[in-house]
Each structure stands twice: as structure tokens, then as C-alpha cells.
Amino acid sequence: MFVIFRQEHQNGIKFEHRLFCYISKNWQGKPLIDVQTAIDLIGSTQTNTGLKVICVRDDTEYKIAKKVSDEDFESINIDKIAPFECWNYTLRPT
């Protein structure tokens, strides 16, 4: 899943929670019989305040267990958020 945040939402974690809350409500009680059904239900999510979700399937085959050098990893601009820094963080452009 790829999520784009509007610029005024600097804390992506709260925004994600609000986004997935509405997605879950939208597909509540509907059987997820295949991937397309999930994509359609996620993509039809809207709120009264104007949030509209766009969802598309990504069939790209990605390499697994790709090694990242220490130098490349250190170049990632990560702001960790207490108290659970391993789970809560914001990635910022470098």
C-alpha cells in the first residue's frame, strides 16, 4: 500500500490511523473474497470532511532481503517519535 500525505499532515501516524479507521468502517461486514474486492472497497472510501481514498493494485515483483549498506541507511532522514521509536517515526526528504 502506498499512502500520500497532504503537506499539512506532518504527523503521518495520526493521519494513517484516521485513514484506516474509515477504510475498516467502509468494508465492515463485507466478505473480502479476493484482492480486487479489497481494492474496490478501499478505493471507495470517503469521509464527510472530503477525504477520498485512491487504491490501485501493484503487481510489481520486488526483490526480497535486499541488503542496504550502512551508509545508505544512515542517509535516511528519520524522526523517531517517543515512546516507541521502533514503531513510530516520520520519514522526511533528505
Protein backbone atom coordinates (compact mmCIF):
# COMPACT_ATOMS: atom_id res chain seq x y z
CA MET A 1 0.00 0.00 0.00
CA PHE A 2 1.27 3.44 -0.92
CA VAL A 3 -0.01 6.41 1.02
CA ILE A 4 0.45 10.05 0.05
CA PHE A 5 0.03 12.57 2.85
CA ARG A 6 -1.05 16.15 2.30
CA GLN A 7 1.61 18.62 3.45
CA GLU A 8 -0.41 19.95 6.39
CA HIS A 9 -0.34 16.47 7.95
CA GLN A 10 3.19 16.41 9.32
CA ASN A 11 2.44 13.59 11.77
CA GLY A 12 1.66 10.75 9.38
CA ILE A 13 0.88 8.30 12.16
CA LYS A 14 -2.28 10.08 13.31
CA PHE A 15 -3.31 10.56 9.68
CA GLU A 16 -2.80 6.85 8.89
CA HIS A 17 -4.90 5.87 11.91
CA ARG A 18 -7.71 8.12 10.74
CA LEU A 19 -7.42 6.79 7.19
CA PHE A 20 -7.55 3.11 8.10
CA CYS A 21 -10.36 3.70 10.58
CA TYR A 22 -12.61 4.84 7.70
CA ILE A 23 -11.42 2.05 5.41
CA SER A 24 -12.31 -0.53 8.07
CA LYS A 25 -15.76 1.02 8.57
CA ASN A 26 -16.33 1.01 4.80
CA TRP A 27 -15.75 -2.73 4.38
CA GLN A 28 -17.32 -3.78 7.68
CA GLY A 29 -19.44 -6.89 7.21
CA LYS A 30 -18.44 -7.36 3.57
CA PRO A 31 -16.56 -10.56 2.68
CA LEU A 32 -13.09 -9.98 1.23
CA ILE A 33 -13.35 -12.77 -1.32
CA ASP A 34 -10.44 -11.65 -3.48
CA VAL A 35 -7.84 -8.91 -3.86
CA GLN A 36 -9.98 -6.88 -6.28
CA THR A 37 -12.82 -6.74 -3.75
CA ALA A 38 -10.42 -5.31 -1.14
CA ILE A 39 -9.07 -2.78 -3.66
CA ASP A 40 -12.59 -1.70 -4.63
CA LEU A 41 -13.70 -1.30 -1.00
CA ILE A 42 -10.58 0.64 -0.02
CA GLY A 43 -10.85 2.82 -3.14
CA SER A 44 -14.48 3.72 -2.49
CA THR A 45 -13.76 5.11 0.99
CA GLN A 46 -14.79 8.75 1.53
CA THR A 47 -15.43 10.93 4.57
CA ASN A 48 -17.78 13.85 5.18
CA THR A 49 -14.75 16.15 5.51
CA GLY A 50 -13.51 15.43 1.98
CA LEU A 51 -11.01 12.59 2.35
CA LYS A 52 -11.12 10.36 -0.73
CA VAL A 53 -9.00 7.22 -0.95
CA ILE A 54 -7.45 6.06 -4.21
CA CYS A 55 -6.32 2.45 -4.26
CA VAL A 56 -4.65 0.58 -7.12
CA ARG A 57 -3.11 -2.87 -7.30
CA ASP A 58 0.67 -3.08 -7.59
CA ASP A 59 1.75 -6.37 -9.17
CA THR A 60 5.42 -5.43 -9.31
CA GLU A 61 7.71 -8.19 -8.09
CA TYR A 62 10.15 -6.68 -5.63
CA LYS A 63 13.42 -8.24 -4.50
CA ILE A 64 13.21 -9.62 -1.01
CA ALA A 65 16.02 -9.49 1.52
CA LYS A 66 17.77 -6.72 -0.40
CA LYS A 67 20.78 -5.57 1.58
CA VAL A 68 21.12 -1.88 2.36
CA SER A 69 24.56 -0.54 3.15
CA ASP A 70 25.14 1.17 6.50
CA GLU A 71 25.98 4.36 4.59
CA ASP A 72 22.68 4.29 2.67
CA PHE A 73 20.71 3.51 5.83
CA GLU A 74 22.33 6.38 7.72
CA SER A 75 21.35 8.78 4.92
CA ILE A 76 17.61 8.19 5.59
CA ASN A 77 16.10 11.18 7.39
CA ILE A 78 14.09 9.53 10.19
CA ASP A 79 12.42 11.42 13.05
CA LYS A 80 11.66 8.87 15.77
CA ILE A 81 8.63 9.52 17.97
CA ALA A 82 8.71 8.50 21.65
CA PRO A 83 7.93 6.32 23.45
CA PHE A 84 8.01 3.54 20.81
CA GLU A 85 10.67 4.79 18.40
CA CYS A 86 10.94 1.43 16.61
CA TRP A 87 7.28 1.65 15.57
CA ASN A 88 6.55 5.38 15.47
CA TYR A 89 8.57 7.54 13.12
CA THR A 90 8.29 10.01 10.27
CA LEU A 91 10.39 9.75 7.11
CA ARG A 92 11.39 13.15 5.73
CA PRO A 93 13.02 14.08 2.42
CA THR A 94 16.80 14.31 2.59
